[in-house]
PDB file of N, CA and C in Angstrom:
ATOM      1  N   MET A   1     -43.643  13.747  79.659  1.00  0.00           N
ATOM      2  CA  MET A   1     -43.002  12.858  80.836  1.00  0.00           C
ATOM      3  C   MET A   1     -42.517  11.681  80.555  1.00  0.00           C
ATOM      4  N   THR A   2     -41.335  11.364  80.581  1.00  0.00           N
ATOM      5  CA  THR A   2     -40.474   9.869  80.843  1.00  0.00           C
ATOM      6  C   THR A   2     -41.677   9.325  82.048  1.00  0.00           C
ATOM      7  N   ASN A   3     -41.459   8.283  81.590  1.00  0.00           N
ATOM      8  CA  ASN A   3     -41.287   6.876  83.503  1.00  0.00           C
ATOM      9  C   ASN A   3     -39.993   6.965  83.880  1.00  0.00           C
ATOM     10  N   ARG A   4     -40.018   6.942  85.178  1.00  0.00           N
ATOM     11  CA  ARG A   4     -38.612   7.056  85.881  1.00  0.00           C
ATOM     12  C   ARG A   4     -38.096   5.510  86.134  1.00  0.00           C
ATOM     13  N   THR A   5     -37.131   5.111  85.825  1.00  0.00           N
ATOM     14  CA  THR A   5     -36.943   3.779  86.580  1.00  0.00           C
ATOM     15  C   THR A   5     -37.086   3.802  88.450  1.00  0.00           C
ATOM     16  N   ARG A   6     -37.393   2.426  88.356  1.00  0.00           N
ATOM     17  CA  ARG A   6     -38.077   1.952  89.673  1.00  0.00           C
ATOM     18  C   ARG A   6     -36.498   2.642  90.775  1.00  0.00           C
ATOM     19  N   ALA A   7     -36.632   2.758  92.023  1.00  0.00           N
ATOM     20  CA  ALA A   7     -35.800   3.547  92.851  1.00  0.00           C
ATOM     21  C   ALA A   7     -35.048   2.283  93.383  1.00  0.00           C
ATOM     22  N   SER A   8     -35.077   1.076  93.497  1.00  0.00           N
ATOM     23  CA  SER A   8     -34.630  -0.310  94.235  1.00  0.00           C
ATOM     24  C   SER A   8     -33.976  -0.655  93.122  1.00  0.00           C
ATOM     25  N   ILE A   9     -33.844  -0.458  92.125  1.00  0.00           N
ATOM     26  CA  ILE A   9     -33.706  -1.224  90.343  1.00  0.00           C
ATOM     27  C   ILE A   9     -31.973  -0.069  90.456  1.00  0.00           C
ATOM     28  N   LEU A  10     -32.045   1.300  90.713  1.00  0.00           N
ATOM     29  CA  LEU A  10     -31.490   1.861  90.591  1.00  0.00           C
ATOM     30  C   LEU A  10     -30.073   2.343  91.808  1.00  0.00           C
ATOM     31  N   GLN A  11     -31.014   1.914  92.712  1.00  0.00           N
ATOM     32  CA  GLN A  11     -30.227   1.841  93.995  1.00  0.00           C
ATOM     33  C   GLN A  11     -28.969   0.425  93.771  1.00  0.00           C
ATOM     34  N   ASN A  12     -29.281  -0.584  92.779  1.00  0.00           N
ATOM     35  CA  ASN A  12     -28.413  -1.665  93.220  1.00  0.00           C
ATOM     36  C   ASN A  12     -27.235  -1.417  92.336  1.00  0.00           C
ATOM     37  N   LEU A  13     -27.499  -0.836  90.862  1.00  0.00           N
ATOM     38  CA  LEU A  13     -26.979  -1.146  89.350  1.00  0.00           C
ATOM     39  C   LEU A  13     -25.645   0.587  90.070  1.00  0.00           C
ATOM     40  N   ASP A  14     -26.503   1.493  90.951  1.00  0.00           N
ATOM     41  CA  ASP A  14     -25.443   2.591  91.219  1.00  0.00           C
ATOM     42  C   ASP A  14     -24.236   2.338  92.517  1.00  0.00           C
ATOM     43  N   ALA A  15     -24.754   1.308  92.953  1.00  0.00           N
ATOM     44  CA  ALA A  15     -23.746   1.027  94.211  1.00  0.00           C
ATOM     45  C   ALA A  15     -22.888   0.036  93.139  1.00  0.00           C
ATOM     46  N   GLU A  16     -23.184  -0.869  92.588  1.00  0.00           N
ATOM     47  CA  GLU A  16     -22.149  -2.005  91.397  1.00  0.00           C
ATOM     48  C   GLU A  16     -21.092  -0.660  90.555  1.00  0.00           C
ATOM     49  N   VAL A  17     -22.426  -0.265  89.682  1.00  0.00           N
ATOM     50  CA  VAL A  17     -21.563   0.387  88.871  1.00  0.00           C
ATOM     51  C   VAL A  17     -20.110   1.292  89.680  1.00  0.00           C
ATOM     52  N   SER A  18     -20.519   2.328  90.579  1.00  0.00           N
ATOM     53  CA  SER A  18     -20.113   2.974  91.473  1.00  0.00           C
ATOM     54  C   SER A  18     -18.771   2.641  91.920  1.00  0.00           C
ATOM     55  N   VAL A  19     -19.056   0.864  92.462  1.00  0.00           N
ATOM     56  CA  VAL A  19     -17.828   0.892  92.798  1.00  0.00           C
ATOM     57  C   VAL A  19     -16.896   0.524  92.170  1.00  0.00           C
ATOM     58  N   LEU A  20     -17.063   0.375  90.209  1.00  0.00           N
ATOM     59  CA  LEU A  20     -16.318  -0.258  89.449  1.00  0.00           C
ATOM     60  C   LEU A  20     -15.455   1.417  88.513  1.00  0.00           C
ATOM     61  N   VAL A  21     -16.304   2.529  88.576  1.00  0.00           N
ATOM     62  CA  VAL A  21     -15.979   3.822  88.581  1.00  0.00           C
ATOM     63  C   VAL A  21     -15.292   4.138  89.742  1.00  0.00           C
ATOM     64  N   ALA A  22     -15.001   3.967  90.867  1.00  0.00           N
ATOM     65  CA  ALA A  22     -14.060   4.446  91.726  1.00  0.00           C
ATOM     66  C   ALA A  22     -12.686   3.466  91.487  1.00  0.00           C
ATOM     67  N   LYS A  23     -12.710   1.655  91.382  1.00  0.00           N
ATOM     68  CA  LYS A  23     -11.441   1.066  91.607  1.00  0.00           C
ATOM     69  C   LYS A  23     -11.519   1.910  90.126  1.00  0.00           C
ATOM     70  N   ASN A  24     -11.684   2.348  88.897  1.00  0.00           N
ATOM     71  CA  ASN A  24     -11.010   2.256  87.672  1.00  0.00           C
ATOM     72  C   ASN A  24     -10.122   3.700  88.127  1.00  0.00           C
ATOM     73  N   ARG A  25     -10.687   5.265  88.608  1.00  0.00           N
ATOM     74  CA  ARG A  25     -10.383   6.022  88.437  1.00  0.00           C
ATOM     75  C   ARG A  25      -9.866   6.333  89.866  1.00  0.00           C
ATOM     76  N   GLY A  26      -9.880   5.615  90.713  1.00  0.00           N
ATOM     77  CA  GLY A  26      -8.735   5.701  91.667  1.00  0.00           C
ATOM     78  C   GLY A  26      -9.291   6.331  92.738  1.00  0.00           C
ATOM     79  N   VAL A  27     -10.417   6.621  92.772  1.00  0.00           N
ATOM     80  CA  VAL A  27     -11.554   7.612  94.248  1.00  0.00           C
ATOM     81  C   VAL A  27     -12.037   6.947  95.360  1.00  0.00           C
ATOM     82  N   SER A  28     -11.965   7.175  95.928  1.00  0.00           N
ATOM     83  CA  SER A  28     -13.674   6.710  97.514  1.00  0.00           C
ATOM     84  C   SER A  28     -14.437   6.417  96.286  1.00  0.00           C
ATOM     85  N   GLU A  29     -15.775   5.631  97.021  1.00  0.00           N
ATOM     86  CA  GLU A  29     -16.550   5.198  96.178  1.00  0.00           C
ATOM     87  C   GLU A  29     -17.615   6.413  96.268  1.00  0.00           C
ATOM     88  N   MET A  30     -17.715   6.938  97.353  1.00  0.00           N
ATOM     89  CA  MET A  30     -18.618   8.462  96.785  1.00  0.00           C
ATOM     90  C   MET A  30     -18.437   8.628  96.531  1.00  0.00           C
ATOM     91  N   ASP A  31     -17.285   9.440  95.803  1.00  0.00           N
ATOM     92  CA  ASP A  31     -17.041  10.030  94.770  1.00  0.00           C
ATOM     93  C   ASP A  31     -17.326   9.387  93.171  1.00  0.00           C
ATOM     94  N   GLY A  32     -16.744   7.964  93.211  1.00  0.00           N
ATOM     95  CA  GLY A  32     -17.339   7.215  92.337  1.00  0.00           C
ATOM     96  C   GLY A  32     -19.005   6.993  91.855  1.00  0.00           C
ATOM     97  N   LEU A  33     -19.590   6.887  92.766  1.00  0.00           N
ATOM     98  CA  LEU A  33     -20.996   7.136  92.886  1.00  0.00           C
ATOM     99  C   LEU A  33     -21.388   8.672  92.167  1.00  0.00           C
ATOM    100  N   ARG A  34     -20.574   9.767  93.319  1.00  0.00           N
ATOM    101  CA  ARG A  34     -21.083  11.259  92.373  1.00  0.00           C
ATOM    102  C   ARG A  34     -20.591  11.177  90.906  1.00  0.00           C
ATOM    103  N   LEU A  35     -19.663  10.712  90.773  1.00  0.00           N
ATOM    104  CA  LEU A  35     -19.041  11.071  89.086  1.00  0.00           C
ATOM    105  C   LEU A  35     -20.407  10.072  88.180  1.00  0.00           C
ATOM    106  N   PHE A  36     -20.724   8.553  88.280  1.00  0.00           N
ATOM    107  CA  PHE A  36     -21.649   7.937  88.123  1.00  0.00           C
ATOM    108  C   PHE A  36     -23.464   9.127  87.979  1.00  0.00           C
ATOM    109  N   LEU A  37     -23.498   9.329  88.866  1.00  0.00           N
ATOM    110  CA  LEU A  37     -24.823  10.021  89.272  1.00  0.00           C
ATOM    111  C   LEU A  37     -24.561  11.002  88.252  1.00  0.00           C
ATOM    112  N   ASN A  38     -24.152  12.101  88.052  1.00  0.00           N
ATOM    113  CA  ASN A  38     -23.762  13.129  87.297  1.00  0.00           C
ATOM    114  C   ASN A  38     -23.590  13.162  86.420  1.00  0.00           C
ATOM    115  N   SER A  39     -23.739  11.467  85.591  1.00  0.00           N
ATOM    116  CA  SER A  39     -23.716  11.413  84.224  1.00  0.00           C
ATOM    117  C   SER A  39     -24.481  11.338  83.146  1.00  0.00           C
ATOM    118  N   GLU A  40     -24.492  11.226  82.058  1.00  0.00           N
ATOM    119  CA  GLU A  40     -25.367  10.896  80.824  1.00  0.00           C
ATOM    120  C   GLU A  40     -26.042   9.790  80.807  1.00  0.00           C
ATOM    121  N   THR A  41     -24.920   8.770  80.958  1.00  0.00           N
ATOM    122  CA  THR A  41     -25.510   7.488  81.304  1.00  0.00           C
ATOM    123  C   THR A  41     -25.953   7.309  82.495  1.00  0.00           C
ATOM    124  N   HIS A  42     -25.579   7.961  83.671  1.00  0.00           N
ATOM    125  CA  HIS A  42     -27.202   7.460  84.354  1.00  0.00           C
ATOM    126  C   HIS A  42     -28.369   8.490  84.491  1.00  0.00           C
ATOM    127  N   LYS A  43     -28.556   9.645  82.972  1.00  0.00           N
ATOM    128  CA  LYS A  43     -29.977  10.348  83.358  1.00  0.00           C
ATOM    129  C   LYS A  43     -30.420   9.002  81.740  1.00  0.00           C
ATOM    130  N   MET A  44     -29.714   8.570  81.184  1.00  0.00           N
ATOM    131  CA  MET A  44     -30.332   7.600  80.218  1.00  0.00           C
ATOM    132  C   MET A  44     -31.140   6.091  81.488  1.00  0.00           C
ATOM    133  N   LEU A  45     -30.331   5.310  82.173  1.00  0.00           N
ATOM    134  CA  LEU A  45     -30.489   4.643  83.179  1.00  0.00           C
ATOM    135  C   LEU A  45     -31.602   5.026  83.749  1.00  0.00           C
ATOM    136  N   GLU A  46     -31.896   6.171  84.435  1.00  0.00           N
ATOM    137  CA  GLU A  46     -33.103   6.878  85.094  1.00  0.00           C
ATOM    138  C   GLU A  46     -34.988   6.736  84.146  1.00  0.00           C
ATOM    139  N   ASP A  47     -34.160   6.970  82.785  1.00  0.00           N
ATOM    140  CA  ASP A  47     -35.582   6.878  81.732  1.00  0.00           C
ATOM    141  C   ASP A  47     -35.449   5.104  81.805  1.00  0.00           C
ATOM    142  N   ASP A  48     -37.086   4.812  82.654  1.00  0.00           N
ATOM    143  CA  ASP A  48     -37.332   3.843  82.333  1.00  0.00           C
ATOM    144  C   ASP A  48     -37.858   3.282  80.837  1.00  0.00           C
ATOM    145  N   ASP A  49     -37.883   4.792  79.828  1.00  0.00           N
ATOM    146  CA  ASP A  49     -38.672   4.119  78.404  1.00  0.00           C
ATOM    147  C   ASP A  49     -37.466   3.326  77.608  1.00  0.00           C
ATOM    148  N   LEU A  50     -35.782   3.909  78.646  1.00  0.00           N
ATOM    149  CA  LEU A  50     -35.224   3.041  77.119  1.00  0.00           C
ATOM    150  C   LEU A  50     -34.399   1.606  77.883  1.00  0.00           C
ATOM    151  N   LYS A  51     -35.089   1.346  79.280  1.00  0.00           N
ATOM    152  CA  LYS A  51     -35.100  -0.133  79.860  1.00  0.00           C
ATOM    153  C   LYS A  51     -33.252  -0.453  79.674  1.00  0.00           C
ATOM    154  N   MET A  52     -32.967   0.744  80.489  1.00  0.00           N
ATOM    155  CA  MET A  52     -30.589   0.543  80.632  1.00  0.00           C
ATOM    156  C   MET A  52     -30.802  -0.597  82.029  1.00  0.00           C
ATOM    157  N   TRP A  53     -31.743  -0.723  82.370  1.00  0.00           N
ATOM    158  CA  TRP A  53     -31.781  -1.315  83.439  1.00  0.00           C
ATOM    159  C   TRP A  53     -31.367  -2.998  82.861  1.00  0.00           C
ATOM    160  N   TYR A  54     -32.091  -3.151  81.875  1.00  0.00           N
ATOM    161  CA  TYR A  54     -31.602  -4.613  81.452  1.00  0.00           C
ATOM    162  C   TYR A  54     -29.607  -4.792  81.380  1.00  0.00           C
ATOM    163  N   PHE A  55     -29.373  -4.276  80.944  1.00  0.00           N
ATOM    164  CA  PHE A  55     -27.802  -3.710  81.106  1.00  0.00           C
ATOM    165  C   PHE A  55     -27.241  -4.256  82.496  1.00  0.00           C
ATOM    166  N   SER A  56     -25.926  -4.952  82.380  1.00  0.00           N
ATOM    167  CA  SER A  56     -25.224  -5.643  83.297  1.00  0.00           C
ATOM    168  C   SER A  56     -24.180  -4.045  83.794  1.00  0.00           C
ATOM    169  N   PRO A  57     -24.279  -4.714  85.076  1.00  0.00           N
ATOM    170  CA  PRO A  57     -23.463  -2.987  85.771  1.00  0.00           C
ATOM    171  C   PRO A  57     -21.976  -2.843  84.963  1.00  0.00           C
ATOM    172  N   LEU A  58     -21.474  -3.740  84.193  1.00  0.00           N
ATOM    173  CA  LEU A  58     -20.307  -3.857  83.295  1.00  0.00           C
ATOM    174  C   LEU A  58     -20.238  -3.379  82.448  1.00  0.00           C
ATOM    175  N   ALA A  59     -21.378  -3.516  81.684  1.00  0.00           N
ATOM    176  CA  ALA A  59     -21.916  -2.722  80.435  1.00  0.00           C
ATOM    177  C   ALA A  59     -22.130  -1.516  80.499  1.00  0.00           C
ATOM    178  N   LEU A  60     -23.096  -0.783  82.050  1.00  0.00           N
ATOM    179  CA  LEU A  60     -23.185  -0.050  82.491  1.00  0.00           C
ATOM    180  C   LEU A  60     -21.979   0.964  82.253  1.00  0.00           C
ATOM    181  N   PHE A  61     -21.021   0.772  82.848  1.00  0.00           N
ATOM    182  CA  PHE A  61     -19.698   0.955  83.325  1.00  0.00           C
ATOM    183  C   PHE A  61     -19.211   1.323  81.643  1.00  0.00           C
ATOM    184  N   ASP A  62     -18.815   0.137  81.275  1.00  0.00           N
ATOM    185  CA  ASP A  62     -18.243   0.851  79.403  1.00  0.00           C
ATOM    186  C   ASP A  62     -18.898   1.590  79.373  1.00  0.00           C
ATOM    187  N   MET A  63     -20.305   2.071  78.859  1.00  0.00           N
ATOM    188  CA  MET A  63     -21.052   2.974  78.443  1.00  0.00           C
ATOM    189  C   MET A  63     -20.466   4.238  79.607  1.00  0.00           C
ATOM    190  N   TRP A  64     -20.473   3.881  81.182  1.00  0.00           N
ATOM    191  CA  TRP A  64     -19.920   5.438  81.360  1.00  0.00           C
ATOM    192  C   TRP A  64     -18.330   5.557  80.747  1.00  0.00           C
ATOM    193  N   GLU A  65     -17.439   5.006  80.563  1.00  0.00           N
ATOM    194  CA  GLU A  65     -16.300   4.890  80.122  1.00  0.00           C
ATOM    195  C   GLU A  65     -16.391   5.224  78.903  1.00  0.00           C
ATOM    196  N   THR A  66     -17.211   5.085  77.692  1.00  0.00           N
ATOM    197  CA  THR A  66     -17.043   5.796  76.790  1.00  0.00           C
ATOM    198  C   THR A  66     -17.919   7.505  76.281  1.00  0.00           C
ATOM    199  N   GLU A  67     -18.405   7.376  77.657  1.00  0.00           N
ATOM    200  CA  GLU A  67     -18.834   8.747  77.681  1.00  0.00           C
ATOM    201  C   GLU A  67     -17.847   9.736  78.292  1.00  0.00           C
ATOM    202  N   ILE A  68     -16.635   9.174  79.110  1.00  0.00           N
ATOM    203  CA  ILE A  68     -16.088   9.940  79.471  1.00  0.00           C
ATOM    204  C   ILE A  68     -14.586  10.647  78.365  1.00  0.00           C
ATOM    205  N   ALA A  69     -14.606   9.161  77.683  1.00  0.00           N
ATOM    206  CA  ALA A  69     -14.013   9.319  76.477  1.00  0.00           C
ATOM    207  C   ALA A  69     -14.155  10.053  75.086  1.00  0.00           C
ATOM    208  N   THR A  70     -15.665  10.161  75.043  1.00  0.00           N
ATOM    209  CA  THR A  70     -15.818  10.741  73.709  1.00  0.00           C
ATOM    210  C   THR A  70     -17.231  11.887  74.327  1.00  0.00           C
ATOM    211  N   GLY A  71     -17.501  11.409  75.123  1.00  0.00           N
ATOM    212  CA  GLY A  71     -18.773  12.223  75.538  1.00  0.00           C
ATOM    213  C   GLY A  71     -20.312  12.008  75.622  1.00  0.00           C
ATOM    214  N   ASP A  72     -20.276  11.333  74.789  1.00  0.00           N
ATOM    215  CA  ASP A  72     -21.328  10.619  74.598  1.00  0.00           C
ATOM    216  C   ASP A  72     -20.978   8.741  74.982  1.00  0.00           C
ATOM    217  N   PRO A  73     -22.208   8.550  75.957  1.00  0.00           N
ATOM    218  CA  PRO A  73     -22.919   7.226  76.180  1.00  0.00           C
ATOM    219  C   PRO A  73     -23.110   6.407  75.019  1.00  0.00           C
ATOM    220  N   ARG A  74     -23.567   7.038  73.565  1.00  0.00           N
ATOM    221  CA  ARG A  74     -24.080   6.213  72.804  1.00  0.00           C
ATOM    222  C   ARG A  74     -23.529   5.692  71.676  1.00  0.00           C
ATOM    223  N   ASP A  75     -21.708   5.839  71.968  1.00  0.00           N
ATOM    224  CA  ASP A  75     -20.893   5.438  71.179  1.00  0.00           C
ATOM    225  C   ASP A  75     -20.505   4.278  71.929  1.00  0.00           C
ATOM    226  N   SER A  76     -20.468   3.518  72.813  1.00  0.00           N
ATOM    227  CA  SER A  76     -20.435   2.171  73.235  1.00  0.00           C
ATOM    228  C   SER A  76     -20.868   1.081  72.119  1.00  0.00           C
ATOM    229  N   VAL A  77     -19.942   0.629  72.739  1.00  0.00           N
ATOM    230  CA  VAL A  77     -20.141  -1.294  71.364  1.00  0.00           C
ATOM    231  C   VAL A  77     -21.734  -1.375  71.877  1.00  0.00           C
ATOM    232  N   TYR A  78     -22.201  -1.479  73.200  1.00  0.00           N
ATOM    233  CA  TYR A  78     -23.528  -1.793  73.595  1.00  0.00           C
ATOM    234  C   TYR A  78     -25.079  -1.346  72.923  1.00  0.00           C
ATOM    235  N   LEU A  79     -24.198  -0.318  72.825  1.00  0.00           N
ATOM    236  CA  LEU A  79     -25.175   0.553  72.786  1.00  0.00           C
ATOM    237  C   LEU A  79     -25.610   0.792  70.707  1.00  0.00           C
ATOM    238  N   LYS A  80     -24.339   1.002  70.484  1.00  0.00           N
ATOM    239  CA  LYS A  80     -24.518   0.991  69.007  1.00  0.00           C
ATOM    240  C   LYS A  80     -24.374  -0.577  67.830  1.00  0.00           C
ATOM    241  N   GLY A  81     -24.564  -1.663  68.912  1.00  0.00           N
ATOM    242  CA  GLY A  81     -24.213  -2.500  67.658  1.00  0.00           C
ATOM    243  C   GLY A  81     -23.657  -3.558  66.634  1.00  0.00           C
ATOM    244  N   ASP A  82     -23.934  -4.289  67.056  1.00  0.00           N
ATOM    245  CA  ASP A  82     -23.092  -5.263  65.822  1.00  0.00           C
ATOM    246  C   ASP A  82     -22.081  -4.812  64.901  1.00  0.00           C
ATOM    247  N   GLU A  83     -23.263  -3.787  63.865  1.00  0.00           N
ATOM    248  CA  GLU A  83     -22.909  -2.877  62.787  1.00  0.00           C
ATOM    249  C   GLU A  83     -22.011  -1.990  62.997  1.00  0.00           C
ATOM    250  N   TYR A  84     -21.419  -1.695  64.095  1.00  0.00           N
ATOM    251  CA  TYR A  84     -20.332  -1.015  64.438  1.00  0.00           C
ATOM    252  C   TYR A  84     -19.587  -2.347  64.692  1.00  0.00           C
ATOM    253  N   ALA A  85     -19.118  -2.947  65.339  1.00  0.00           N
ATOM    254  CA  ALA A  85     -17.648  -3.476  65.718  1.00  0.00           C
ATOM    255  C   ALA A  85     -17.059  -3.904  64.987  1.00  0.00           C
TER     256      ALA A  85
END
């Protein structure tokens, strides 16, 4: 069983990333939140063992955008590292 990231951390990041999603996609903030909550990026954020909460909301948004474009948030430069830049 994986450890779950604390709810207080998730709430803050969810709020900030969902605003970025909403602005980028031209949808309401509630729809932006739904899009983010139903993503693989968010599932990874929920897994405390991955420590994804160390990333800024902008980096998490980039991971989400990468997931939308490629199907996998792990394709983001934030997760691949410098060797792929």
